[in-house]
Amino acid sequence: MARTEQTIRFCTSRDGTRIAYAISGEGPPLVRAGHWITHLEADWENLVWRPWLDALGRRHTLIRYDLRGCGLSDREGVEFSLQHYLEDLEAVVDAAGLERFPLLGMSGGGALAVTYATRHPDRVSELVLYGTFTRGRTARSTTPHDHEENDTLFRLIELGWGKDDPTFRQLFAAQFLPDATAEQLRSFNSLMKLSVSAENAASLMRAWYVADITALAPQVRCPALVVHPRHDLRVPFEEGRRLAGLIPGARLVPLDTQNHLLLEQEPAWPAFFAELEGFLGSAAPKMAQKPMLAGLTRREQEVLNLVARGLGNEAIATRLGMSEKTVRNHVSAILSKLGVASRSQAIVHARENGFGGRDVR
C-alpha cells in the first residue's frame, strides 16, 4: 500500500539556503526537479497538485522540494539563477541518500532537470520532461515588443500577485489551467499567493525566462521522454518538439490538452501516466540466484542490495519508501538468514553474490 502521508525534511544548499523537501509514496525513487508555485504542505491538500502527488506516489517514492524562495524553503535574501537551482537539487538528492534515480522535470524544472542530467550523467537513469522548453521566454524573444511584453508581465506580478483581490492571479491561473473547474481555479489561485511573494515570483520568472539549454540538451546520455500539451498556453508545443529533437534518442509524446498542468478529469491524464510508467518500468534488482541468498524475500534482497552499496538505514528507507524501523527489521532478518554477525560481513557475502551494483532496469 502506498504511503498516505508525507515526511518533510530540510537540507542546506551550497550558499547556505535552507531547502525543504518531502518524501511520499512507495516503491523505487522518482525525483521531481524544483519549479515554482509549490508549497509542500499546501500542495498536499490542493485540488490541482494532490492528484499529481497521489498518482506519482502510487508506484514510486516521490522526492520533491520547494524551490528557493518558495513554500517552506528559505524566502528572504536568496538569489535566483539556474546555477543556484542546480545546487539546490544537488543538495536534496544528496540529503535523500540517492545514488541513481529517474528525474522528472516539469515546466521550468525541465531546464533544471536537463542541466542536472548533463552534470551528473552517472546518477540520472531516465529523464522525463513535461511541458518544458529549451529557451525561456526572454531567451527566445526576438523583437523589442517581445521584451517589452516580458517586462510588463514582471511588473504586473510585482504589483498584483500578493494582493487580497484575486483578480490578477485568476487571470494568470487561467493560462495554466484554462479547462479547470471553478473550484480547481480557486484552489490554485490561493496556492499561488501562499507559495511565493510577489517580489520572489517576479525574480523566479526572470531566472526561468533567460534560461537556455540549447547547448546542453544534445549532451544528455540517458533515455528521455518528452511530453508536452499540444495546445499549451504557457510553453508553446514547438519548444517541446524542439527539445525532443535536440536530445539524442528522445521520444516526443503530445498530449491532447491546452492545460499547462494536466487535470485528473481529462482524458489525457491516464494517457500521460500510462506513458510514464511504461517508460520508467521496474527499478527492482533482480532476484538473487545463489543458494546462499535464496532464502531472502524480494524486499530483503532490495534492502541487501543497498546495504552492499554502503547506504545507511535512513538512506535505504528513503530509497525504498519505508520507515527506518522497517529497514532495521529487514537488516536483522537478513543477518539471521545469512548466518552472519555484522553488517560488514553481510556486505562481503552480498558482494560475492553479485549485489551492490546499480538497479537493474
Protein backbone atom coordinates (compact mmCIF):
# COMPACT_ATOMS: atom_id res chain seq x y z
CA MET A 1 0.00 0.00 0.00
CA ALA A 2 1.36 3.42 -0.93
CA ARG A 3 2.28 5.79 1.85
CA THR A 4 -0.66 8.11 2.54
CA GLU A 5 1.37 10.74 4.36
CA GLN A 6 4.48 12.73 3.57
CA THR A 7 7.65 13.35 5.54
CA ILE A 8 9.10 16.87 5.33
CA ARG A 9 12.80 17.46 5.94
CA PHE A 10 15.35 20.22 5.35
CA CYS A 11 18.79 20.39 3.80
CA THR A 12 21.21 23.20 3.02
CA SER A 13 22.28 24.32 -0.43
CA ARG A 14 25.82 25.40 -1.25
CA ASP A 15 25.19 29.08 -0.45
CA GLY A 16 23.52 28.30 2.89
CA THR A 17 19.89 28.49 1.69
CA ARG A 18 17.66 26.01 3.51
CA ILE A 19 15.64 23.84 1.14
CA ALA A 20 12.54 21.95 2.29
CA TYR A 21 11.95 18.55 0.69
CA ALA A 22 9.27 15.91 1.11
CA ILE A 23 9.07 12.15 0.70
CA SER A 24 5.83 10.32 -0.06
CA GLY A 25 4.60 7.23 -1.86
CA GLU A 26 6.21 3.82 -2.01
CA GLY A 27 8.50 2.00 -4.42
CA PRO A 28 11.63 2.92 -6.37
CA PRO A 29 12.55 6.60 -6.20
CA LEU A 30 11.37 9.35 -8.51
CA VAL A 31 12.78 12.86 -8.05
CA ARG A 32 10.83 15.89 -9.23
CA ALA A 33 13.10 18.81 -10.06
CA GLY A 34 12.07 22.09 -8.45
CA HIS A 35 9.70 24.53 -10.11
CA TRP A 36 7.58 27.35 -8.78
CA ILE A 37 4.01 27.58 -7.37
CA THR A 38 4.60 24.84 -4.82
CA HIS A 39 4.23 24.61 -1.07
CA LEU A 40 4.97 21.19 0.38
CA GLU A 41 2.21 21.40 2.99
CA ALA A 42 -0.42 23.23 0.95
CA ASP A 43 0.17 21.07 -2.16
CA TRP A 44 -0.93 18.08 -0.12
CA GLU A 45 -4.48 19.48 0.07
CA ASN A 46 -4.55 21.39 -3.23
CA LEU A 47 -7.17 20.32 -5.78
CA VAL A 48 -4.68 20.55 -8.66
CA TRP A 49 -1.50 19.17 -7.09
CA ARG A 50 -2.82 16.44 -4.78
CA PRO A 51 -3.96 14.17 -7.65
CA TRP A 52 -0.46 14.51 -9.12
CA LEU A 53 1.14 13.52 -5.82
CA ASP A 54 -1.15 10.53 -5.40
CA ALA A 55 -0.55 9.34 -8.96
CA LEU A 56 3.22 9.78 -8.83
CA GLY A 57 3.43 8.14 -5.40
CA ARG A 58 1.36 5.10 -6.34
CA ARG A 59 4.37 3.20 -7.69
CA HIS A 60 7.27 5.39 -6.64
CA THR A 61 8.81 7.02 -3.63
CA LEU A 62 8.40 10.62 -4.72
CA ILE A 63 11.04 13.12 -3.61
CA ARG A 64 10.03 16.70 -4.29
CA TYR A 65 11.01 20.05 -2.81
CA ASP A 66 10.13 23.71 -2.66
CA LEU A 67 12.36 25.82 -4.86
CA ARG A 68 14.37 28.51 -3.04
CA GLY A 69 12.13 31.50 -2.40
CA CYS A 70 9.02 29.31 -2.37
CA GLY A 71 6.92 27.32 0.07
CA LEU A 72 8.78 26.09 3.14
CA SER A 73 12.26 26.79 1.73
CA ASP A 74 14.09 29.99 2.67
CA ARG A 75 12.41 33.02 1.12
CA GLU A 76 14.37 36.02 2.35
CA GLY A 77 17.72 37.14 0.96
CA VAL A 78 18.01 34.36 -1.61
CA GLU A 79 19.49 34.64 -5.10
CA PHE A 80 17.74 33.22 -8.16
CA SER A 81 19.53 31.62 -11.10
CA LEU A 82 19.66 28.28 -12.88
CA GLN A 83 23.02 27.61 -11.22
CA HIS A 84 21.51 28.15 -7.75
CA TYR A 85 18.56 25.92 -8.67
CA LEU A 86 21.05 23.23 -9.72
CA GLU A 87 22.85 23.44 -6.39
CA ASP A 88 19.51 23.12 -4.56
CA LEU A 89 18.67 19.94 -6.48
CA GLU A 90 22.12 18.54 -5.77
CA ALA A 91 21.62 19.21 -2.05
CA VAL A 92 18.21 17.47 -1.97
CA VAL A 93 19.42 14.38 -3.82
CA ASP A 94 22.43 14.04 -1.53
CA ALA A 95 20.35 14.58 1.62
CA ALA A 96 17.88 11.91 0.48
CA GLY A 97 20.74 9.44 0.05
CA LEU A 98 20.01 8.67 -3.59
CA GLU A 99 22.62 7.18 -5.90
CA ARG A 100 20.78 6.70 -9.18
CA PHE A 101 17.21 7.66 -9.98
CA PRO A 102 14.77 8.83 -12.66
CA LEU A 103 14.33 12.60 -12.78
CA LEU A 104 11.07 14.39 -13.64
CA GLY A 105 11.27 17.98 -14.85
CA MET A 106 8.02 19.90 -15.20
CA SER A 107 7.72 23.35 -16.80
CA GLY A 108 10.80 25.38 -15.75
CA GLY A 109 12.00 22.37 -13.80
CA GLY A 110 12.65 20.68 -17.13
CA ALA A 111 15.51 23.04 -17.94
CA LEU A 112 16.90 22.29 -14.49
CA ALA A 113 16.49 18.53 -14.97
CA VAL A 114 18.39 18.62 -18.27
CA THR A 115 21.16 20.65 -16.65
CA TYR A 116 21.46 18.19 -13.75
CA ALA A 117 21.44 15.18 -16.09
CA THR A 118 24.35 16.58 -18.09
CA ARG A 119 26.33 17.48 -14.96
CA HIS A 120 25.65 14.11 -13.28
CA PRO A 121 25.18 11.51 -16.03
CA ASP A 122 26.05 8.68 -13.65
CA ARG A 123 23.13 9.49 -11.34
CA VAL A 124 20.17 10.01 -13.69
CA SER A 125 18.78 6.73 -15.03
CA GLU A 126 15.87 8.21 -17.02
CA LEU A 127 14.73 11.72 -17.78
CA VAL A 128 11.06 12.71 -18.06
CA LEU A 129 10.40 16.24 -19.32
CA TYR A 130 6.86 17.60 -19.15
CA GLY A 131 5.68 20.90 -20.63
CA THR A 132 9.14 22.41 -20.69
CA PHE A 133 11.43 24.35 -23.03
CA THR A 134 14.90 24.72 -24.41
CA ARG A 135 14.72 28.52 -24.24
CA GLY A 136 12.84 30.58 -21.70
CA ARG A 137 10.53 33.30 -22.93
CA THR A 138 13.15 36.05 -22.76
CA ALA A 139 15.80 33.83 -24.36
CA ARG A 140 13.56 33.16 -27.34
CA SER A 141 12.25 36.72 -27.67
CA THR A 142 13.34 38.31 -30.94
CA THR A 143 11.72 41.76 -31.05
CA PRO A 144 11.60 44.85 -28.83
CA HIS A 145 7.86 44.22 -28.47
CA ASP A 146 8.56 40.74 -27.03
CA HIS A 147 10.96 42.15 -24.43
CA GLU A 148 8.54 44.95 -23.53
CA GLU A 149 5.78 42.39 -23.03
CA ASN A 150 8.02 40.34 -20.73
CA ASP A 151 9.00 43.39 -18.68
CA THR A 152 5.34 44.39 -18.37
CA LEU A 153 4.44 40.93 -17.08
CA PHE A 154 7.17 41.09 -14.41
CA ARG A 155 5.88 44.50 -13.30
CA LEU A 156 2.28 43.28 -13.16
CA ILE A 157 3.36 40.34 -10.99
CA GLU A 158 5.16 42.68 -8.60
CA LEU A 159 2.04 44.85 -8.33
CA GLY A 160 -0.76 42.28 -8.32
CA TRP A 161 0.49 38.88 -7.14
CA GLY A 162 0.28 39.45 -3.40
CA LYS A 163 -3.00 41.41 -3.25
CA ASP A 164 -6.04 40.13 -1.38
CA ASP A 165 -8.02 40.78 -4.56
CA PRO A 166 -7.51 37.53 -6.54
CA THR A 167 -8.32 39.06 -9.95
CA PHE A 168 -4.75 39.25 -11.29
CA ARG A 169 -3.81 35.78 -10.07
CA GLN A 170 -7.05 34.41 -11.52
CA LEU A 171 -6.09 35.62 -14.98
CA PHE A 172 -2.65 34.12 -14.53
CA ALA A 173 -4.08 30.81 -13.25
CA ALA A 174 -6.40 30.63 -16.25
CA GLN A 175 -3.33 30.46 -18.50
CA PHE A 176 -2.08 27.45 -16.57
CA LEU A 177 -5.49 25.76 -16.33
CA PRO A 178 -7.94 27.06 -18.95
CA ASP A 179 -10.16 23.97 -18.61
CA ALA A 180 -10.16 23.80 -14.80
CA THR A 181 -13.34 23.85 -12.76
CA ALA A 182 -14.10 26.95 -10.70
CA GLU A 183 -13.09 25.05 -7.56
CA GLN A 184 -9.76 23.99 -9.06
CA LEU A 185 -9.01 27.55 -10.17
CA ARG A 186 -9.79 28.95 -6.71
CA SER A 187 -7.60 26.31 -5.10
CA PHE A 188 -4.68 27.04 -7.44
CA ASN A 189 -5.17 30.80 -7.05
CA SER A 190 -4.89 30.52 -3.27
CA LEU A 191 -1.77 28.40 -3.62
CA MET A 192 -0.13 30.99 -5.86
CA LYS A 193 -0.33 33.67 -3.18
CA LEU A 194 0.68 31.29 -0.38
CA SER A 195 3.59 29.69 -2.21
CA VAL A 196 5.65 32.76 -3.11
CA SER A 197 5.76 36.51 -2.53
CA ALA A 198 5.21 38.96 -5.38
CA GLU A 199 8.87 40.01 -5.38
CA ASN A 200 10.13 36.42 -5.42
CA ALA A 201 7.59 35.42 -8.08
CA ALA A 202 8.96 38.07 -10.43
CA SER A 203 12.58 37.12 -9.65
CA LEU A 204 11.87 33.43 -10.19
CA MET A 205 10.24 34.11 -13.54
CA ARG A 206 13.11 36.30 -14.68
CA ALA A 207 15.56 33.48 -13.96
CA TRP A 208 13.49 30.90 -15.85
CA TYR A 209 12.84 33.27 -18.75
CA VAL A 210 16.55 33.79 -19.51
CA ALA A 211 17.40 30.07 -19.27
CA ASP A 212 18.68 28.49 -22.48
CA ILE A 213 19.65 24.80 -22.53
CA THR A 214 20.00 24.51 -26.30
CA ALA A 215 23.69 23.59 -25.99
CA LEU A 216 23.14 21.20 -23.06
CA ALA A 217 20.26 19.12 -24.45
CA PRO A 218 22.42 17.21 -27.01
CA GLN A 219 24.72 16.16 -24.14
CA VAL A 220 22.00 14.10 -22.37
CA ARG A 221 23.03 10.44 -22.38
CA CYS A 222 20.17 8.71 -20.54
CA PRO A 223 16.83 7.64 -22.05
CA ALA A 224 14.49 10.64 -22.28
CA LEU A 225 10.74 11.03 -22.63
CA VAL A 226 9.46 14.47 -23.66
CA VAL A 227 5.74 15.02 -23.01
CA HIS A 228 4.04 18.27 -23.99
CA PRO A 229 0.46 19.58 -24.06
CA ARG A 230 -0.32 20.14 -27.72
CA HIS A 231 -2.16 23.45 -27.09
CA ASP A 232 -0.19 24.69 -24.07
CA LEU A 233 -0.80 28.40 -23.42
CA ARG A 234 2.26 28.82 -21.18
CA VAL A 235 5.00 26.98 -23.09
CA PRO A 236 4.47 26.55 -26.85
CA PHE A 237 4.35 22.99 -28.15
CA GLU A 238 7.14 23.92 -30.56
CA GLU A 239 9.51 24.21 -27.59
CA GLY A 240 8.75 20.63 -26.55
CA ARG A 241 9.19 19.42 -30.14
CA ARG A 242 12.49 21.30 -30.38
CA LEU A 243 13.71 19.82 -27.09
CA ALA A 244 12.91 16.26 -28.17
CA GLY A 245 14.81 16.88 -31.39
CA LEU A 246 17.92 18.01 -29.53
CA ILE A 247 18.16 15.15 -27.01
CA PRO A 248 19.64 12.02 -28.62
CA GLY A 249 17.04 9.26 -28.90
CA ALA A 250 14.33 11.19 -27.03
CA ARG A 251 10.71 10.28 -27.69
CA LEU A 252 8.07 13.01 -28.01
CA VAL A 253 4.53 12.35 -26.75
CA PRO A 254 1.97 15.11 -27.47
CA LEU A 255 -0.94 15.37 -25.03
CA ASP A 256 -4.35 16.42 -26.28
CA THR A 257 -4.93 19.29 -23.86
CA GLN A 258 -4.49 23.05 -23.56
CA ASN A 259 -3.83 22.91 -19.81
CA HIS A 260 -0.21 23.52 -18.85
CA LEU A 261 -0.83 21.27 -15.85
CA LEU A 262 -2.92 18.19 -16.55
CA LEU A 263 -6.14 17.82 -14.56
CA GLU A 264 -7.32 14.47 -13.29
CA GLN A 265 -10.68 14.70 -15.12
CA GLU A 266 -9.02 14.96 -18.55
CA PRO A 267 -8.73 12.04 -21.00
CA ALA A 268 -5.03 12.97 -21.34
CA TRP A 269 -4.49 12.24 -17.63
CA PRO A 270 -4.48 8.40 -17.82
CA ALA A 271 -2.66 8.61 -21.15
CA PHE A 272 0.22 10.52 -19.55
CA PHE A 273 0.61 8.20 -16.59
CA ALA A 274 0.47 5.13 -18.82
CA GLU A 275 3.33 6.62 -20.85
CA LEU A 276 5.24 7.47 -17.68
CA GLU A 277 5.01 4.00 -16.17
CA GLY A 278 5.72 2.32 -19.48
CA PHE A 279 8.86 4.42 -19.80
CA LEU A 280 10.13 4.02 -16.25
CA GLY A 281 9.31 0.33 -15.87
CA SER A 282 10.53 -1.54 -12.81
CA ALA A 283 13.59 -0.47 -10.85
CA ALA A 284 13.79 -3.50 -8.58
CA PRO A 285 17.02 -5.51 -8.50
CA LYS A 286 16.93 -8.99 -9.98
CA MET A 287 16.20 -11.90 -7.66
CA ALA A 288 19.36 -13.50 -6.38
CA GLN A 289 20.26 -16.82 -7.91
CA LYS A 290 22.92 -18.04 -5.47
CA PRO A 291 21.73 -20.66 -2.91
CA MET A 292 23.22 -18.66 -0.03
CA LEU A 293 20.75 -15.83 -0.67
CA ALA A 294 17.80 -17.84 -1.96
CA GLY A 295 16.02 -17.67 1.39
CA LEU A 296 15.69 -13.88 1.29
CA THR A 297 12.40 -12.32 0.29
CA ARG A 298 12.40 -9.91 -2.65
CA ARG A 299 12.18 -6.94 -0.29
CA GLU A 300 15.10 -8.26 1.77
CA GLN A 301 17.12 -8.59 -1.44
CA GLU A 302 16.32 -4.97 -2.32
CA VAL A 303 17.50 -3.89 1.12
CA LEU A 304 20.61 -6.05 0.91
CA ASN A 305 21.47 -4.62 -2.50
CA LEU A 306 21.52 -1.12 -0.99
CA VAL A 307 23.38 -2.28 2.15
CA ALA A 308 26.03 -3.69 -0.18
CA ARG A 309 26.42 -0.24 -1.73
CA GLY A 310 27.21 1.17 1.69
CA LEU A 311 23.93 3.04 2.24
CA GLY A 312 22.78 3.58 5.82
CA ASN A 313 19.32 2.76 7.12
CA GLU A 314 17.96 6.29 6.65
CA ALA A 315 19.09 6.43 3.02
CA ILE A 316 17.65 2.96 2.36
CA ALA A 317 14.35 3.98 3.93
CA THR A 318 14.18 6.99 1.62
CA ARG A 319 15.15 4.95 -1.41
CA LEU A 320 12.56 2.20 -0.84
CA GLY A 321 9.81 4.28 0.76
CA MET A 322 9.93 2.58 4.17
CA SER A 323 10.41 3.70 7.74
CA GLU A 324 13.85 3.36 9.33
CA LYS A 325 12.39 0.89 11.82
CA THR A 326 11.23 -1.35 8.99
CA VAL A 327 14.68 -1.19 7.40
CA ARG A 328 16.29 -2.16 10.72
CA ASN A 329 13.95 -5.14 10.97
CA HIS A 330 14.82 -6.22 7.43
CA VAL A 331 18.55 -5.90 8.14
CA SER A 332 18.21 -8.02 11.31
CA ALA A 333 16.33 -10.68 9.35
CA ILE A 334 18.99 -10.63 6.62
CA LEU A 335 21.84 -11.09 9.11
CA SER A 336 20.00 -14.01 10.68
CA LYS A 337 19.26 -15.73 7.36
CA LEU A 338 22.83 -15.26 6.15
CA GLY A 339 24.23 -16.53 9.45
CA VAL A 340 26.48 -13.51 9.92
CA ALA A 341 27.02 -11.35 12.96
CA SER A 342 27.57 -7.92 11.47
CA ARG A 343 26.57 -5.60 8.67
CA SER A 344 30.12 -5.64 7.25
CA GLN A 345 30.03 -9.44 6.98
CA ALA A 346 26.68 -9.23 5.21
CA ILE A 347 28.19 -6.75 2.73
CA VAL A 348 31.03 -9.16 1.95
CA HIS A 349 28.59 -12.03 1.32
CA ALA A 350 26.31 -9.80 -0.75
CA ARG A 351 29.08 -8.51 -2.99
CA GLU A 352 30.45 -12.02 -3.50
CA ASN A 353 26.98 -12.91 -4.79
CA GLY A 354 26.67 -10.04 -7.23
CA PHE A 355 24.84 -7.49 -5.06
CA GLY A 356 25.77 -3.86 -4.66
CA GLY A 357 25.55 -2.86 -8.32
CA ARG A 358 23.19 -0.40 -9.98
CA ASP A 359 19.47 -1.02 -10.05
CA VAL A 360 18.52 -3.24 -12.95
CA ARG A 361 16.10 -1.62 -15.38
